[in-house]
Protein backbone atom coordinates (compact mmCIF):
# COMPACT_ATOMS: atom_id res chain seq x y z
CA MET A 1 -1.58 21.40 -21.54
CA SER A 2 0.47 21.29 -18.35
CA GLY A 3 1.05 18.23 -16.23
CA THR A 4 -0.46 17.65 -12.81
CA LEU A 5 1.42 17.94 -9.54
CA TYR A 6 0.71 15.04 -7.17
CA GLY A 7 1.66 15.23 -3.50
CA ILE A 8 1.73 11.59 -2.42
CA GLY A 9 1.87 10.39 1.16
CA VAL A 10 3.93 7.20 1.26
CA GLY A 11 3.19 6.39 4.88
CA PRO A 12 5.46 5.83 7.87
CA GLY A 13 7.83 3.26 6.37
CA ASP A 14 6.13 -0.08 5.81
CA PRO A 15 5.58 -0.33 2.03
CA GLU A 16 2.38 -2.31 2.64
CA LEU A 17 0.82 0.80 4.19
CA LEU A 18 0.98 2.60 0.84
CA THR A 19 -2.49 3.37 -0.54
CA LEU A 20 -3.66 1.81 -3.79
CA LYS A 21 -3.95 5.25 -5.36
CA ALA A 22 -0.40 6.16 -4.41
CA HIS A 23 0.84 2.85 -5.82
CA ARG A 24 -0.93 3.47 -9.14
CA LEU A 25 0.37 7.02 -9.54
CA ILE A 26 3.94 6.11 -8.64
CA GLY A 27 3.89 3.24 -11.12
CA THR A 28 2.82 5.50 -14.00
CA ALA A 29 4.63 8.75 -13.22
CA PRO A 30 7.16 10.08 -15.74
CA VAL A 31 8.80 12.27 -13.08
CA ILE A 32 9.21 11.58 -9.37
CA ALA A 33 10.58 14.06 -6.82
CA TYR A 34 11.39 13.34 -3.20
CA PRO A 35 13.20 14.82 -0.19
CA ALA A 36 16.71 13.48 0.34
CA PRO A 37 19.43 14.15 2.92
CA ASP A 38 22.77 15.55 1.83
CA SER A 39 24.33 12.20 2.78
CA GLY A 40 22.66 8.82 2.62
CA ASP A 41 19.51 7.60 0.91
CA SER A 42 16.07 9.16 0.72
CA PHE A 43 13.72 7.54 3.23
CA ALA A 44 10.63 8.48 1.20
CA ARG A 45 12.08 6.97 -1.98
CA GLY A 46 13.19 3.86 -0.13
CA ILE A 47 9.64 3.11 0.98
CA VAL A 48 8.41 2.89 -2.62
CA ALA A 49 11.62 1.91 -4.44
CA ALA A 50 10.16 -1.40 -5.60
CA TYR A 51 7.29 0.39 -7.32
CA ILE A 52 9.26 3.00 -9.28
CA PRO A 53 9.35 1.94 -12.95
CA PRO A 54 12.58 2.08 -14.95
CA GLY A 55 13.32 5.18 -16.97
CA VAL A 56 11.60 7.61 -14.62
CA ARG A 57 13.23 11.00 -14.23
CA GLU A 58 14.06 11.58 -10.58
CA ILE A 59 14.39 14.96 -8.86
CA PRO A 60 16.03 14.64 -5.41
CA ILE A 61 15.22 17.61 -3.18
CA VAL A 62 18.39 17.71 -1.11
CA ILE A 63 17.74 19.04 2.38
CA PRO A 64 20.76 19.35 4.70
CA MET A 65 20.31 17.27 7.86
CA ARG A 66 22.11 19.42 10.40
CA ALA A 67 21.30 21.68 13.34
CA ALA A 68 22.83 24.79 11.77
CA ARG A 69 20.56 27.01 9.71
CA PHE A 70 20.61 26.56 5.95
CA PRO A 71 18.87 28.39 3.09
CA ALA A 72 15.70 26.25 3.22
CA GLN A 73 13.69 28.65 1.07
CA GLN A 74 16.31 28.42 -1.67
CA VAL A 75 16.13 24.61 -1.57
CA TYR A 76 12.39 24.69 -2.20
CA ASP A 77 12.67 27.51 -4.73
CA ASP A 78 15.16 25.47 -6.76
CA ALA A 79 13.09 22.28 -6.50
CA ALA A 80 9.92 24.14 -7.48
CA GLY A 81 11.76 25.47 -10.55
CA ASP A 82 12.78 21.99 -11.67
CA ILE A 83 9.29 20.61 -11.08
CA ALA A 84 7.63 23.58 -12.81
CA ALA A 85 9.74 22.95 -15.92
CA ALA A 86 8.50 19.36 -16.09
CA LEU A 87 4.89 20.38 -15.49
CA SER A 88 5.11 23.08 -18.16
CA ALA A 89 6.33 20.42 -20.59
CA GLY A 90 3.13 18.47 -19.97
CA GLN A 91 4.61 15.86 -17.63
CA ASP A 92 2.88 14.79 -14.43
CA VAL A 93 5.14 15.01 -11.38
CA VAL A 94 4.72 12.82 -8.31
CA VAL A 95 6.26 14.27 -5.14
CA LEU A 96 6.82 11.67 -2.44
CA CYS A 97 6.28 12.65 1.16
CA GLU A 98 6.86 10.55 4.27
CA GLY A 99 3.65 9.99 6.19
CA ASP A 100 0.97 12.41 5.01
CA PRO A 101 1.77 15.39 2.74
CA PHE A 102 -0.03 17.97 4.87
CA PHE A 103 0.81 16.60 8.34
CA TYR A 104 4.16 18.29 8.96
CA GLY A 105 5.02 17.29 5.38
CA SER A 106 7.64 19.13 3.33
CA PHE A 107 5.33 18.93 0.30
CA MET A 108 3.40 21.90 1.66
CA TYR A 109 6.27 24.21 0.68
CA LEU A 110 6.20 23.01 -2.93
CA PHE A 111 2.42 23.18 -2.99
CA ALA A 112 2.57 26.83 -1.92
CA ARG A 113 4.95 27.60 -4.79
CA LEU A 114 3.24 25.61 -7.54
CA ALA A 115 -0.46 25.02 -6.90
CA GLY A 116 -1.45 28.47 -8.12
CA ARG A 117 0.06 27.78 -11.55
CA PHE A 118 -0.55 24.06 -12.15
CA PRO A 119 -3.25 21.48 -11.40
CA ALA A 120 -2.47 19.82 -8.08
CA GLU A 121 -3.82 16.80 -6.24
CA ILE A 122 -3.08 15.58 -2.74
CA VAL A 123 -3.04 11.84 -2.02
CA PRO A 124 -3.18 11.37 1.76
CA GLY A 125 -1.08 8.73 3.44
CA VAL A 126 -0.93 6.95 6.78
CA SER A 127 0.44 9.59 9.13
CA SER A 128 3.23 9.04 11.62
CA LEU A 129 0.72 9.68 14.40
CA GLY A 130 -1.55 6.89 13.20
CA ALA A 131 1.39 4.52 12.83
CA VAL A 132 2.76 5.32 16.29
CA THR A 133 -0.62 4.84 17.97
CA ALA A 134 -1.04 1.48 16.23
CA ALA A 135 2.48 0.43 17.24
CA ALA A 136 1.82 1.40 20.85
CA ARG A 137 -1.38 -0.68 20.81
CA ARG A 138 -3.08 1.99 22.89
CA PRO A 139 -6.05 4.20 22.03
CA LEU A 140 -4.96 7.83 22.23
CA ILE A 141 -8.19 9.75 22.83
CA ALA A 142 -11.80 8.89 23.66
CA ARG A 143 -15.14 10.58 24.22
CA ASP A 144 -14.68 14.35 24.55
CA GLU A 145 -10.92 14.35 25.05
CA VAL A 146 -8.82 16.72 22.95
CA LEU A 147 -5.55 15.69 21.34
CA THR A 148 -2.64 18.13 21.35
CA VAL A 149 0.13 17.53 18.79
CA LEU A 150 3.39 19.30 19.57
CA PRO A 151 6.82 19.51 17.92
CA ALA A 152 9.63 18.95 20.40
CA THR A 153 11.42 21.82 18.67
CA LEU A 154 9.29 24.30 20.66
CA PRO A 155 11.02 26.32 23.37
CA GLU A 156 10.93 24.37 26.64
CA ALA A 157 8.58 26.79 28.39
CA ASP A 158 6.09 26.65 25.51
CA LEU A 159 6.24 22.86 25.39
CA GLU A 160 5.58 22.64 29.12
CA ARG A 161 2.67 25.08 29.00
CA GLN A 162 0.97 23.19 26.17
CA LEU A 163 1.46 19.78 27.77
CA ALA A 164 0.18 21.00 31.13
CA GLN A 165 -3.13 21.90 29.47
CA ALA A 166 -3.49 18.78 27.31
CA ASN A 167 -5.96 15.93 27.78
CA ALA A 168 -3.81 13.73 25.54
CA ALA A 169 -0.68 14.59 23.60
CA ALA A 170 1.77 13.53 20.94
CA VAL A 171 5.27 15.02 20.93
CA MET A 172 6.98 14.74 17.54
CA LYS A 173 10.35 15.56 16.00
CA LEU A 174 12.31 14.35 19.01
CA GLY A 175 15.88 13.78 17.82
CA ARG A 176 18.20 16.17 19.64
CA HIS A 177 15.22 17.59 21.57
CA PHE A 178 14.46 14.29 23.30
CA ASP A 179 16.04 15.16 26.66
CA LYS A 180 14.08 18.41 26.80
CA ALA A 181 10.77 16.69 26.08
CA ARG A 182 11.43 13.92 28.56
CA ALA A 183 12.36 16.41 31.29
CA VAL A 184 9.16 18.39 30.72
CA LEU A 185 6.99 15.28 30.95
CA GLU A 186 8.79 14.23 34.12
CA ARG A 187 8.17 17.62 35.77
CA LEU A 188 4.50 17.42 34.86
CA GLY A 189 4.13 13.94 36.31
CA LEU A 190 3.19 12.45 32.92
CA THR A 191 6.00 9.93 32.51
CA GLY A 192 3.86 7.08 33.80
CA ARG A 193 1.30 7.59 31.01
CA ALA A 194 3.82 8.32 28.26
CA ILE A 195 4.85 5.81 25.59
CA PHE A 196 7.95 6.11 23.40
CA VAL A 197 7.86 4.82 19.82
CA ALA A 198 10.68 4.96 17.25
CA HIS A 199 10.65 3.83 13.60
CA ALA A 200 6.97 2.89 13.73
CA SER A 201 5.94 0.16 11.25
CA LEU A 202 9.56 -0.74 10.38
CA PRO A 203 11.46 -3.92 11.32
CA ASN A 204 13.57 -1.93 13.82
CA GLN A 205 10.50 -0.46 15.52
CA THR A 206 10.89 0.32 19.22
CA VAL A 207 7.93 0.62 21.61
CA CYS A 208 8.29 1.03 25.36
CA PRO A 209 7.17 3.12 28.33
CA LEU A 210 8.95 6.46 28.30
CA ALA A 211 10.61 5.54 31.60
CA ASP A 212 12.35 2.64 29.81
CA ALA A 213 13.30 4.55 26.65
CA PRO A 214 16.93 4.82 25.52
CA ARG A 215 18.89 7.97 26.27
CA THR A 216 18.82 9.13 22.66
CA ALA A 217 16.03 9.20 20.09
CA PRO A 218 16.03 9.37 16.29
CA TYR A 219 14.17 12.10 14.44
CA PHE A 220 11.56 9.51 13.42
CA SER A 221 10.30 8.92 16.94
CA MET A 222 7.43 10.18 19.04
CA ILE A 223 6.13 10.28 22.59
CA VAL A 224 2.39 9.77 23.05
CA VAL A 225 0.47 10.49 26.24
CA PRO A 226 -2.93 8.78 26.00
CA GLY A 227 -5.91 10.49 27.52
CA LYS A 228 -7.28 9.20 30.82
CA ASP A 229 -10.49 8.01 29.14
CA ALA A 230 -8.63 6.18 26.35
CA HIS A 231 -7.99 2.71 27.65
CA VAL A 232 -8.39 -0.93 26.65
């Protein structure tokens, strides 16, 4: 009998936001896989490091953190091969994913490669969007308003078109695209409603009006534009 593949959302960074189910599965898993940069520590692993039991086999999924293109499909092909070998041997494999596995989560690429051959279960986690909204202490949408979630990696014209039509919005994956996103919001007259949040739920969390935000933004940051009906 094969093992089960678990895609586990570990939340936005605060270990106390881990679900009880995720905690139980991490504490009993014989194999744990997680995304890791090619330099530095894995953020996903760091969130749950205190709960990983000794003797667990670890499979780092090394993803280059650079602007230049890299063979992403090969990275996931190789990781899926390593995980498939463990599953075929009857071992359960827990794959850690920052935030929620299916909300811009890298686990989706492993799921696509493995779920057709092995039992798979998704354990949802607190998403970055939920954590950012809580950090901002502002409701995001109310009544019949529609939320638009956008990656800042979109071409500038597409980002502007989507934001111009939005009741409320969240702009993710800022990093090196921060200036572009901020300029679009300024042109649309949305800066006054926009809130910048970086490292939500962590000790170094930053929350401020977009107009007061620093000139640079980390990848783990977001701009939210609450709807006009969402107020306290």
